[in-house]
Amino acid sequence: MRSLQIGLVLPMGESFVDGSTARWTEIRDLAVRAEALGLDTVWVADELLWRSADGPAHGWWECVAMAGAVAAATSRIKVGTWVLSALHRNPGITAKAVETIDEISGGRFVLGLGSGHAGRQAHAFGLPEDRVFGRFEEAVEIIVPLLRKGRADFEGAFHAARELEHRPVGPRPGRIPIMMGAKGPKMLQLAVRHADIWSWYVEERSDLTEFGPRLAAMLAACETAGRDPATIGRSAGIIVEPTQVTGAADVMGVPVRGSAEEIADAFRAFGLAGYSQLELILWPPTIEALDAMAPVLELLDAG
């Protein structure tokens, strides 16, 4: 068993290159192939509609529905949300959706949870655009007690749960893993108080130049909160170009690329730095690119 868990972020949106749509059959085939190759997790992104100021809009399939479908189409690999936006949903119903997907998957679901972001897509859908952290903080006060203790009773400025029982319960009562996406100091404090795993994703570079300081900030938050840092998983979402097809740097950030040995070495560097798992955004998001990861996985398995 490899020490560094490897996951695949499934393509959920319209392509930033040619506008093509990732179809369900393609998403399913990638998830099934990832399972066959021995990856640890497949991740389903949660976005709605991206609009740039000077370009076309890019739409996304709905995360909860797709996570349930992927869970039903696979049998061994973990299925996670990357990450579910608390801004989009009622927290009590979010917990119910999480429990339902864990039931569908037979206990393989990982709740990736984040505050979401307001801005243009929130405005387009009529979602809240202010107090994003405050809304998330209250949502956590409902979601976590429901998933961990089976009930919540909370009255806040934005959310409420009134003697709410969490029923029915799936195969892992109180034990569904929670991965929280967190970057800023307030979000990091919430993550180290509540999450089993902390995560953040690439913004500029898929290497430790960017991710080393991110990890250091999370460890500092653990010290402030009095949490043993050994008790929280550390996850990095990075871009990988495993074939001769390039272009990720023009759209998303500098990727990990090169030979299988070079990619494996880059992954090992994350493990040596203290990360416990990687979430891979493949460029391009194709079966061919996924198959090109097979020798990388073999090298990691070999030690």
C-alpha atoms as a PDB file:
ATOM      1  CA  MET A   1       0.000   0.000   0.000  1.00  0.00           C
ATOM      2  CA  ARG A   2       1.468   3.356  -1.045  1.00  0.00           C
ATOM      3  CA  SER A   3       2.026   5.918   1.693  1.00  0.00           C
ATOM      4  CA  LEU A   4       0.711   8.802  -0.421  1.00  0.00           C
ATOM      5  CA  GLN A   5      -2.896   8.439  -1.512  1.00  0.00           C
ATOM      6  CA  ILE A   6      -3.613   9.455  -5.103  1.00  0.00           C
ATOM      7  CA  GLY A   7      -6.966  10.685  -6.337  1.00  0.00           C
ATOM      8  CA  LEU A   8      -8.365  11.822  -9.675  1.00  0.00           C
ATOM      9  CA  VAL A   9     -10.479  14.948 -10.133  1.00  0.00           C
ATOM     10  CA  LEU A  10     -13.125  14.024 -12.695  1.00  0.00           C
ATOM     11  CA  PRO A  11     -13.936  16.508 -15.484  1.00  0.00           C
ATOM     12  CA  MET A  12     -17.247  18.163 -14.647  1.00  0.00           C
ATOM     13  CA  GLY A  13     -17.308  21.333 -16.708  1.00  0.00           C
ATOM     14  CA  GLU A  14     -17.247  22.544 -20.253  1.00  0.00           C
ATOM     15  CA  SER A  15     -13.717  22.648 -21.644  1.00  0.00           C
ATOM     16  CA  PHE A  16     -11.731  25.846 -21.288  1.00  0.00           C
ATOM     17  CA  VAL A  17     -10.023  24.988 -24.590  1.00  0.00           C
ATOM     18  CA  ASP A  18     -12.815  24.192 -27.034  1.00  0.00           C
ATOM     19  CA  GLY A  19     -16.036  24.424 -25.009  1.00  0.00           C
ATOM     20  CA  SER A  20     -16.773  20.710 -25.339  1.00  0.00           C
ATOM     21  CA  THR A  21     -18.831  19.044 -22.618  1.00  0.00           C
ATOM     22  CA  ALA A  22     -17.648  16.148 -20.467  1.00  0.00           C
ATOM     23  CA  ARG A  23     -20.425  13.590 -20.958  1.00  0.00           C
ATOM     24  CA  TRP A  24     -21.617  11.160 -18.282  1.00  0.00           C
ATOM     25  CA  THR A  25     -20.287   8.166 -20.192  1.00  0.00           C
ATOM     26  CA  GLU A  26     -16.813   9.745 -20.309  1.00  0.00           C
ATOM     27  CA  ILE A  27     -16.917  10.663 -16.610  1.00  0.00           C
ATOM     28  CA  ARG A  28     -18.078   7.145 -15.718  1.00  0.00           C
ATOM     29  CA  ASP A  29     -15.383   5.518 -17.829  1.00  0.00           C
ATOM     30  CA  LEU A  30     -12.676   7.633 -16.173  1.00  0.00           C
ATOM     31  CA  ALA A  31     -13.949   6.697 -12.703  1.00  0.00           C
ATOM     32  CA  VAL A  32     -14.085   2.997 -13.547  1.00  0.00           C
ATOM     33  CA  ARG A  33     -10.620   3.102 -15.109  1.00  0.00           C
ATOM     34  CA  ALA A  34      -9.224   4.970 -12.096  1.00  0.00           C
ATOM     35  CA  GLU A  35     -10.593   2.206  -9.892  1.00  0.00           C
ATOM     36  CA  ALA A  36      -9.012  -0.485 -12.082  1.00  0.00           C
ATOM     37  CA  LEU A  37      -5.632   1.279 -11.970  1.00  0.00           C
ATOM     38  CA  GLY A  38      -5.686   1.334  -8.194  1.00  0.00           C
ATOM     39  CA  LEU A  39      -6.217   5.015  -7.512  1.00  0.00           C
ATOM     40  CA  ASP A  40      -7.555   5.749  -4.046  1.00  0.00           C
ATOM     41  CA  THR A  41     -10.279   8.312  -4.748  1.00  0.00           C
ATOM     42  CA  VAL A  42     -12.231  10.002  -7.513  1.00  0.00           C
ATOM     43  CA  TRP A  43     -13.302  13.573  -6.829  1.00  0.00           C
ATOM     44  CA  VAL A  44     -16.322  15.449  -8.181  1.00  0.00           C
ATOM     45  CA  ALA A  45     -16.018  19.242  -8.384  1.00  0.00           C
ATOM     46  CA  ASP A  46     -18.806  21.559  -7.236  1.00  0.00           C
ATOM     47  CA  GLU A  47     -19.252  24.602  -9.445  1.00  0.00           C
ATOM     48  CA  LEU A  48     -22.255  26.069 -11.243  1.00  0.00           C
ATOM     49  CA  LEU A  49     -21.424  28.584 -13.964  1.00  0.00           C
ATOM     50  CA  TRP A  50     -18.196  30.442 -14.536  1.00  0.00           C
ATOM     51  CA  ARG A  51     -18.351  33.738 -16.402  1.00  0.00           C
ATOM     52  CA  SER A  52     -15.218  35.665 -17.207  1.00  0.00           C
ATOM     53  CA  ALA A  53     -15.359  39.357 -17.960  1.00  0.00           C
ATOM     54  CA  ASP A  54     -14.019  38.935 -21.493  1.00  0.00           C
ATOM     55  CA  GLY A  55     -14.787  35.348 -22.443  1.00  0.00           C
ATOM     56  CA  PRO A  56     -17.546  32.767 -22.786  1.00  0.00           C
ATOM     57  CA  ALA A  57     -19.389  31.181 -19.877  1.00  0.00           C
ATOM     58  CA  HIS A  58     -18.432  27.674 -18.740  1.00  0.00           C
ATOM     59  CA  GLY A  59     -21.088  25.430 -17.217  1.00  0.00           C
ATOM     60  CA  TRP A  60     -20.714  22.495 -14.834  1.00  0.00           C
ATOM     61  CA  TRP A  61     -22.732  19.369 -14.088  1.00  0.00           C
ATOM     62  CA  GLU A  62     -24.340  19.363 -10.633  1.00  0.00           C
ATOM     63  CA  CYS A  63     -22.015  17.852  -8.028  1.00  0.00           C
ATOM     64  CA  VAL A  64     -24.337  15.892  -5.715  1.00  0.00           C
ATOM     65  CA  ALA A  65     -26.183  14.166  -8.543  1.00  0.00           C
ATOM     66  CA  MET A  66     -22.925  13.241 -10.276  1.00  0.00           C
ATOM     67  CA  ALA A  67     -21.305  11.993  -7.061  1.00  0.00           C
ATOM     68  CA  GLY A  68     -24.234   9.631  -6.529  1.00  0.00           C
ATOM     69  CA  ALA A  69     -23.956   8.352 -10.092  1.00  0.00           C
ATOM     70  CA  VAL A  70     -20.195   7.792  -9.787  1.00  0.00           C
ATOM     71  CA  ALA A  71     -20.730   6.010  -6.469  1.00  0.00           C
ATOM     72  CA  ALA A  72     -23.229   3.666  -8.106  1.00  0.00           C
ATOM     73  CA  ALA A  73     -20.953   3.016 -11.098  1.00  0.00           C
ATOM     74  CA  THR A  74     -17.931   1.995  -8.992  1.00  0.00           C
ATOM     75  CA  SER A  75     -17.415  -0.619  -6.298  1.00  0.00           C
ATOM     76  CA  ARG A  76     -14.086  -0.106  -4.457  1.00  0.00           C
ATOM     77  CA  ILE A  77     -12.656   3.368  -5.006  1.00  0.00           C
ATOM     78  CA  LYS A  78     -13.567   6.197  -2.646  1.00  0.00           C
ATOM     79  CA  VAL A  79     -15.810   8.938  -4.044  1.00  0.00           C
ATOM     80  CA  GLY A  80     -15.479  12.499  -2.783  1.00  0.00           C
ATOM     81  CA  THR A  81     -16.750  16.013  -3.401  1.00  0.00           C
ATOM     82  CA  TRP A  82     -14.090  18.541  -4.382  1.00  0.00           C
ATOM     83  CA  VAL A  83     -15.372  20.501  -2.515  1.00  0.00           C
ATOM     84  CA  LEU A  84     -19.089  20.817  -1.813  1.00  0.00           C
ATOM     85  CA  SER A  85     -20.099  24.475  -1.573  1.00  0.00           C
ATOM     86  CA  ALA A  86     -21.974  25.299   1.624  1.00  0.00           C
ATOM     87  CA  LEU A  87     -23.066  28.545  -0.014  1.00  0.00           C
ATOM     88  CA  HIS A  88     -25.242  26.670  -2.510  1.00  0.00           C
ATOM     89  CA  ARG A  89     -27.263  24.503  -0.149  1.00  0.00           C
ATOM     90  CA  ASN A  90     -29.248  24.198   3.050  1.00  0.00           C
ATOM     91  CA  PRO A  91     -26.879  22.574   5.594  1.00  0.00           C
ATOM     92  CA  GLY A  92     -29.380  20.031   6.905  1.00  0.00           C
ATOM     93  CA  ILE A  93     -30.167  18.842   3.382  1.00  0.00           C
ATOM     94  CA  THR A  94     -26.438  18.801   2.625  1.00  0.00           C
ATOM     95  CA  ALA A  95     -25.911  16.353   5.494  1.00  0.00           C
ATOM     96  CA  LYS A  96     -28.784  14.239   4.191  1.00  0.00           C
ATOM     97  CA  ALA A  97     -27.278  14.171   0.692  1.00  0.00           C
ATOM     98  CA  VAL A  98     -23.908  13.153   2.170  1.00  0.00           C
ATOM     99  CA  GLU A  99     -25.447  10.276   4.118  1.00  0.00           C
ATOM    100  CA  THR A 100     -27.380   9.161   1.040  1.00  0.00           C
ATOM    101  CA  ILE A 101     -24.266   9.032  -1.143  1.00  0.00           C
ATOM    102  CA  ASP A 102     -22.445   7.091   1.566  1.00  0.00           C
ATOM    103  CA  GLU A 103     -25.323   4.589   1.484  1.00  0.00           C
ATOM    104  CA  ILE A 104     -25.152   4.343  -2.320  1.00  0.00           C
ATOM    105  CA  SER A 105     -21.382   3.820  -2.200  1.00  0.00           C
ATOM    106  CA  GLY A 106     -21.464   1.257   0.605  1.00  0.00           C
ATOM    107  CA  GLY A 107     -19.341   3.459   2.870  1.00  0.00           C
ATOM    108  CA  ARG A 108     -16.872   4.915   0.351  1.00  0.00           C
ATOM    109  CA  PHE A 109     -17.862   8.588   0.403  1.00  0.00           C
ATOM    110  CA  VAL A 110     -15.613  11.476   1.500  1.00  0.00           C
ATOM    111  CA  LEU A 111     -17.286  14.810   2.175  1.00  0.00           C
ATOM    112  CA  GLY A 112     -15.091  17.545   0.801  1.00  0.00           C
ATOM    113  CA  LEU A 113     -16.669  20.740   2.133  1.00  0.00           C
ATOM    114  CA  GLY A 114     -15.914  24.408   1.620  1.00  0.00           C
ATOM    115  CA  SER A 115     -17.453  27.836   1.941  1.00  0.00           C
ATOM    116  CA  GLY A 116     -17.946  28.279  -1.777  1.00  0.00           C
ATOM    117  CA  HIS A 117     -17.451  31.660  -3.382  1.00  0.00           C
ATOM    118  CA  ALA A 118     -19.929  34.357  -4.248  1.00  0.00           C
ATOM    119  CA  GLY A 119     -19.441  36.681  -7.189  1.00  0.00           C
ATOM    120  CA  ARG A 120     -20.867  36.238 -10.659  1.00  0.00           C
ATOM    121  CA  GLN A 121     -22.200  32.685 -10.426  1.00  0.00           C
ATOM    122  CA  ALA A 122     -23.842  33.317  -7.060  1.00  0.00           C
ATOM    123  CA  HIS A 123     -25.488  36.432  -8.470  1.00  0.00           C
ATOM    124  CA  ALA A 124     -26.717  34.585 -11.558  1.00  0.00           C
ATOM    125  CA  PHE A 125     -28.400  31.886  -9.442  1.00  0.00           C
ATOM    126  CA  GLY A 126     -29.803  34.294  -6.875  1.00  0.00           C
ATOM    127  CA  LEU A 127     -27.526  32.906  -4.173  1.00  0.00           C
ATOM    128  CA  PRO A 128     -26.148  34.962  -1.266  1.00  0.00           C
ATOM    129  CA  GLU A 129     -23.250  37.211  -2.155  1.00  0.00           C
ATOM    130  CA  ASP A 130     -22.217  38.519   1.258  1.00  0.00           C
ATOM    131  CA  ARG A 131     -20.906  37.155   4.568  1.00  0.00           C
ATOM    132  CA  VAL A 132     -19.621  33.987   2.895  1.00  0.00           C
ATOM    133  CA  PHE A 133     -17.473  32.947   5.849  1.00  0.00           C
ATOM    134  CA  GLY A 134     -20.229  33.675   8.374  1.00  0.00           C
ATOM    135  CA  ARG A 135     -22.667  31.547   6.401  1.00  0.00           C
ATOM    136  CA  PHE A 136     -20.141  28.723   6.223  1.00  0.00           C
ATOM    137  CA  GLU A 137     -19.358  28.940   9.938  1.00  0.00           C
ATOM    138  CA  GLU A 138     -23.049  28.483  10.732  1.00  0.00           C
ATOM    139  CA  ALA A 139     -23.449  25.675   8.178  1.00  0.00           C
ATOM    140  CA  VAL A 140     -20.622  23.767   9.873  1.00  0.00           C
ATOM    141  CA  GLU A 141     -22.476  24.095  13.217  1.00  0.00           C
ATOM    142  CA  ILE A 142     -25.276  22.064  11.632  1.00  0.00           C
ATOM    143  CA  ILE A 143     -23.548  19.697   9.194  1.00  0.00           C
ATOM    144  CA  VAL A 144     -20.879  18.393  11.581  1.00  0.00           C
ATOM    145  CA  PRO A 145     -23.246  17.603  14.519  1.00  0.00           C
ATOM    146  CA  LEU A 146     -25.668  15.884  12.143  1.00  0.00           C
ATOM    147  CA  LEU A 147     -22.959  13.686  10.637  1.00  0.00           C
ATOM    148  CA  ARG A 148     -21.117  13.025  13.903  1.00  0.00           C
ATOM    149  CA  LYS A 149     -23.871  12.861  16.537  1.00  0.00           C
ATOM    150  CA  GLY A 150     -27.058  12.361  14.538  1.00  0.00           C
ATOM    151  CA  ARG A 151     -28.827  15.571  15.514  1.00  0.00           C
ATOM    152  CA  ALA A 152     -28.462  19.353  15.459  1.00  0.00           C
ATOM    153  CA  ASP A 153     -30.190  22.202  17.238  1.00  0.00           C
ATOM    154  CA  PHE A 154     -28.967  25.597  16.093  1.00  0.00           C
ATOM    155  CA  GLU A 155     -30.440  29.014  15.426  1.00  0.00           C
ATOM    156  CA  GLY A 156     -28.232  31.468  13.556  1.00  0.00           C
ATOM    157  CA  ALA A 157     -28.443  34.566  11.447  1.00  0.00           C
ATOM    158  CA  PHE A 158     -28.351  32.552   8.211  1.00  0.00           C
ATOM    159  CA  HIS A 159     -29.147  28.920   9.040  1.00  0.00           C
ATOM    160  CA  ALA A 160     -31.276  26.977  11.478  1.00  0.00           C
ATOM    161  CA  ALA A 161     -31.746  23.372  12.568  1.00  0.00           C
ATOM    162  CA  ARG A 162     -34.508  22.903  15.107  1.00  0.00           C
ATOM    163  CA  GLU A 163     -34.293  19.630  17.027  1.00  0.00           C
ATOM    164  CA  LEU A 164     -33.258  18.104  13.718  1.00  0.00           C
ATOM    165  CA  GLU A 165     -32.668  14.349  13.698  1.00  0.00           C
ATOM    166  CA  HIS A 166     -30.398  12.877  11.063  1.00  0.00           C
ATOM    167  CA  ARG A 167     -32.344   9.919   9.715  1.00  0.00           C
ATOM    168  CA  PRO A 168     -31.943   7.452   8.086  1.00  0.00           C
ATOM    169  CA  VAL A 169     -28.279   6.637   8.625  1.00  0.00           C
ATOM    170  CA  GLY A 170     -26.020   4.782   6.208  1.00  0.00           C
ATOM    171  CA  PRO A 171     -23.260   2.206   6.767  1.00  0.00           C
ATOM    172  CA  ARG A 172     -20.910   4.453   8.808  1.00  0.00           C
ATOM    173  CA  PRO A 173     -22.876   6.291  11.503  1.00  0.00           C
ATOM    174  CA  GLY A 174     -20.793   9.209  12.722  1.00  0.00           C
ATOM    175  CA  ARG A 175     -17.743   8.196  10.677  1.00  0.00           C
ATOM    176  CA  ILE A 176     -18.007   9.735   7.197  1.00  0.00           C
ATOM    177  CA  PRO A 177     -14.656  11.509   6.622  1.00  0.00           C
ATOM    178  CA  ILE A 178     -14.800  15.289   6.313  1.00  0.00           C
ATOM    179  CA  MET A 179     -12.209  17.046   4.166  1.00  0.00           C
ATOM    180  CA  MET A 180     -12.339  20.827   4.464  1.00  0.00           C
ATOM    181  CA  GLY A 181     -10.935  23.180   1.848  1.00  0.00           C
ATOM    182  CA  ALA A 182      -9.303  26.070   3.688  1.00  0.00           C
ATOM    183  CA  LYS A 183      -6.787  28.793   2.862  1.00  0.00           C
ATOM    184  CA  GLY A 184      -7.218  31.905   5.019  1.00  0.00           C
ATOM    185  CA  PRO A 185      -6.693  32.070   8.793  1.00  0.00           C
ATOM    186  CA  LYS A 186     -10.389  31.892   9.746  1.00  0.00           C
ATOM    187  CA  MET A 187     -11.073  28.970   7.418  1.00  0.00           C
ATOM    188  CA  LEU A 188      -7.963  27.157   8.644  1.00  0.00           C
ATOM    189  CA  GLN A 189      -9.162  27.471  12.232  1.00  0.00           C
ATOM    190  CA  LEU A 190     -12.490  25.896  11.283  1.00  0.00           C
ATOM    191  CA  ALA A 191     -10.699  23.125   9.396  1.00  0.00           C
ATOM    192  CA  VAL A 192      -8.380  22.160  12.232  1.00  0.00           C
ATOM    193  CA  ARG A 193     -11.310  22.141  14.666  1.00  0.00           C
ATOM    194  CA  HIS A 194     -13.647  20.004  12.593  1.00  0.00           C
ATOM    195  CA  ALA A 195     -12.002  18.251   9.624  1.00  0.00           C
ATOM    196  CA  ASP A 196     -10.387  14.838   9.267  1.00  0.00           C
ATOM    197  CA  ILE A 197      -8.470  16.109   6.232  1.00  0.00           C
ATOM    198  CA  TRP A 198      -7.354  19.596   5.197  1.00  0.00           C
ATOM    199  CA  SER A 199      -7.080  20.466   1.505  1.00  0.00           C
ATOM    200  CA  TRP A 200      -6.174  23.253  -0.863  1.00  0.00           C
ATOM    201  CA  TYR A 201      -5.665  23.425  -4.622  1.00  0.00           C
ATOM    202  CA  VAL A 202      -3.146  24.858  -7.054  1.00  0.00           C
ATOM    203  CA  GLU A 203      -3.407  28.536  -7.870  1.00  0.00           C
ATOM    204  CA  GLU A 204      -0.139  29.129  -9.720  1.00  0.00           C
ATOM    205  CA  ARG A 205       2.335  26.233  -9.374  1.00  0.00           C
ATOM    206  CA  SER A 206       1.870  22.517  -8.691  1.00  0.00           C
ATOM    207  CA  ASP A 207       4.947  22.253  -6.495  1.00  0.00           C
ATOM    208  CA  LEU A 208       6.176  22.942  -2.995  1.00  0.00           C
ATOM    209  CA  THR A 209       7.060  26.544  -3.847  1.00  0.00           C
ATOM    210  CA  GLU A 210       3.332  27.129  -3.510  1.00  0.00           C
ATOM    211  CA  PHE A 211       2.246  24.232  -1.336  1.00  0.00           C
ATOM    212  CA  GLY A 212       5.014  24.366   1.262  1.00  0.00           C
ATOM    213  CA  PRO A 213       3.770  27.659   2.748  1.00  0.00           C
ATOM    214  CA  ARG A 214       0.164  26.395   2.571  1.00  0.00           C
ATOM    215  CA  LEU A 215       1.066  23.394   4.713  1.00  0.00           C
ATOM    216  CA  ALA A 216       3.039  25.563   7.131  1.00  0.00           C
ATOM    217  CA  ALA A 217      -0.018  27.790   7.632  1.00  0.00           C
ATOM    218  CA  MET A 218      -2.194  24.766   8.383  1.00  0.00           C
ATOM    219  CA  LEU A 219       0.327  23.421  10.902  1.00  0.00           C
ATOM    220  CA  ALA A 220       0.449  26.823  12.580  1.00  0.00           C
ATOM    221  CA  ALA A 221      -3.350  26.749  12.824  1.00  0.00           C
ATOM    222  CA  CYS A 222      -3.123  23.334  14.517  1.00  0.00           C
ATOM    223  CA  GLU A 223      -0.714  24.773  17.077  1.00  0.00           C
ATOM    224  CA  THR A 224      -3.030  27.715  17.762  1.00  0.00           C
ATOM    225  CA  ALA A 225      -6.029  25.404  18.182  1.00  0.00           C
ATOM    226  CA  GLY A 226      -4.134  22.839  20.254  1.00  0.00           C
ATOM    227  CA  ARG A 227      -4.680  20.042  17.746  1.00  0.00           C
ATOM    228  CA  ASP A 228      -2.111  17.328  17.224  1.00  0.00           C
ATOM    229  CA  PRO A 229      -1.101  17.842  13.556  1.00  0.00           C
ATOM    230  CA  ALA A 230      -0.603  14.091  13.173  1.00  0.00           C
ATOM    231  CA  THR A 231      -4.385  13.651  13.475  1.00  0.00           C
ATOM    232  CA  ILE A 232      -5.313  15.606  10.333  1.00  0.00           C
ATOM    233  CA  GLY A 233      -4.750  14.507   6.744  1.00  0.00           C
ATOM    234  CA  ARG A 234      -3.082  16.941   4.327  1.00  0.00           C
ATOM    235  CA  SER A 235      -4.237  17.053   0.723  1.00  0.00           C
ATOM    236  CA  ALA A 236      -3.028  19.037  -2.293  1.00  0.00           C
ATOM    237  CA  GLY A 237      -4.905  19.500  -5.548  1.00  0.00           C
ATOM    238  CA  ILE A 238      -2.357  19.714  -8.365  1.00  0.00           C
ATOM    239  CA  ILE A 239      -2.258  19.658 -12.171  1.00  0.00           C
ATOM    240  CA  VAL A 240      -0.449  16.872 -14.026  1.00  0.00           C
ATOM    241  CA  GLU A 241       0.503  16.588 -17.715  1.00  0.00           C
ATOM    242  CA  PRO A 242       1.492  12.920 -18.137  1.00  0.00           C
ATOM    243  CA  THR A 243       1.540  12.907 -21.969  1.00  0.00           C
ATOM    244  CA  GLN A 244       2.962  15.076 -24.722  1.00  0.00           C
ATOM    245  CA  VAL A 245      -0.230  17.160 -24.765  1.00  0.00           C
ATOM    246  CA  THR A 246       0.515  20.454 -23.034  1.00  0.00           C
ATOM    247  CA  GLY A 247      -1.345  23.679 -22.342  1.00  0.00           C
ATOM    248  CA  ALA A 248      -2.405  23.489 -18.696  1.00  0.00           C
ATOM    249  CA  ALA A 249      -0.117  26.363 -17.743  1.00  0.00           C
ATOM    250  CA  ASP A 250      -2.052  28.672 -20.066  1.00  0.00           C
ATOM    251  CA  VAL A 251      -5.342  27.924 -18.320  1.00  0.00           C
ATOM    252  CA  MET A 252      -4.911  26.642 -14.756  1.00  0.00           C
ATOM    253  CA  GLY A 253      -1.317  26.892 -13.536  1.00  0.00           C
ATOM    254  CA  VAL A 254       2.102  25.292 -13.912  1.00  0.00           C
ATOM    255  CA  PRO A 255       1.693  21.494 -13.917  1.00  0.00           C
ATOM    256  CA  VAL A 256       3.795  18.546 -12.881  1.00  0.00           C
ATOM    257  CA  ARG A 257       5.084  16.992 -16.088  1.00  0.00           C
ATOM    258  CA  GLY A 258       7.889  14.875 -17.528  1.00  0.00           C
ATOM    259  CA  SER A 259       8.706  11.173 -17.519  1.00  0.00           C
ATOM    260  CA  ALA A 260       7.008   8.700 -15.185  1.00  0.00           C
ATOM    261  CA  GLU A 261      10.081   8.862 -12.943  1.00  0.00           C
ATOM    262  CA  GLU A 262      10.025  12.662 -12.856  1.00  0.00           C
ATOM    263  CA  ILE A 263       6.316  12.765 -12.024  1.00  0.00           C
ATOM    264  CA  ALA A 264       6.746  10.102  -9.326  1.00  0.00           C
ATOM    265  CA  ASP A 265       9.630  12.085  -7.828  1.00  0.00           C
ATOM    266  CA  ALA A 266       7.488  15.224  -7.757  1.00  0.00           C
ATOM    267  CA  PHE A 267       4.751  13.312  -5.953  1.00  0.00           C
ATOM    268  CA  ARG A 268       7.242  11.840  -3.479  1.00  0.00           C
ATOM    269  CA  ALA A 269       8.413  15.374  -2.678  1.00  0.00           C
ATOM    270  CA  PHE A 270       4.893  16.211  -1.494  1.00  0.00           C
ATOM    271  CA  GLY A 271       4.907  13.127   0.718  1.00  0.00           C
ATOM    272  CA  LEU A 272       8.290  13.967   2.193  1.00  0.00           C
ATOM    273  CA  ALA A 273       7.064  17.508   2.901  1.00  0.00           C
ATOM    274  CA  GLY A 274       4.181  16.129   4.955  1.00  0.00           C
ATOM    275  CA  TYR A 275       1.267  15.731   2.543  1.00  0.00           C
ATOM    276  CA  SER A 276      -0.779  12.540   2.839  1.00  0.00           C
ATOM    277  CA  GLN A 277      -2.741  12.678  -0.408  1.00  0.00           C
ATOM    278  CA  LEU A 278      -2.816  14.316  -3.830  1.00  0.00           C
ATOM    279  CA  GLU A 279      -5.828  15.205  -5.940  1.00  0.00           C
ATOM    280  CA  LEU A 280      -4.801  15.107  -9.595  1.00  0.00           C
ATOM    281  CA  ILE A 281      -6.275  17.352 -12.270  1.00  0.00           C
ATOM    282  CA  LEU A 282      -5.193  15.600 -15.471  1.00  0.00           C
ATOM    283  CA  TRP A 283      -4.410  17.599 -18.574  1.00  0.00           C
ATOM    284  CA  PRO A 284      -6.057  16.615 -20.763  1.00  0.00           C
ATOM    285  CA  PRO A 285      -8.791  14.789 -18.768  1.00  0.00           C
ATOM    286  CA  THR A 286      -8.813  11.694 -20.978  1.00  0.00           C
ATOM    287  CA  ILE A 287      -8.483   7.937 -20.640  1.00  0.00           C
ATOM    288  CA  GLU A 288      -5.161   8.184 -22.507  1.00  0.00           C
ATOM    289  CA  ALA A 289      -3.780  10.640 -19.941  1.00  0.00           C
ATOM    290  CA  LEU A 290      -5.077   8.481 -17.100  1.00  0.00           C
ATOM    291  CA  ASP A 291      -3.459   5.373 -18.567  1.00  0.00           C
ATOM    292  CA  ALA A 292      -0.183   7.310 -18.791  1.00  0.00           C
ATOM    293  CA  MET A 293      -0.322   7.531 -14.978  1.00  0.00           C
ATOM    294  CA  ALA A 294      -0.077   3.742 -14.609  1.00  0.00           C
ATOM    295  CA  PRO A 295       3.755   3.608 -14.580  1.00  0.00           C
ATOM    296  CA  VAL A 296       3.806   6.492 -12.092  1.00  0.00           C
ATOM    297  CA  LEU A 297       1.568   4.514  -9.747  1.00  0.00           C
ATOM    298  CA  GLU A 298       3.790   1.459 -10.163  1.00  0.00           C
ATOM    299  CA  LEU A 299       6.838   3.496  -9.145  1.00  0.00           C
ATOM    300  CA  LEU A 300       5.047   4.877  -6.105  1.00  0.00           C
ATOM    301  CA  ASP A 301       3.897   1.396  -5.114  1.00  0.00           C
ATOM    302  CA  ALA A 302       7.462   0.136  -5.404  1.00  0.00           C
ATOM    303  CA  GLY A 303       8.581   2.699  -2.816  1.00  0.00           C
END
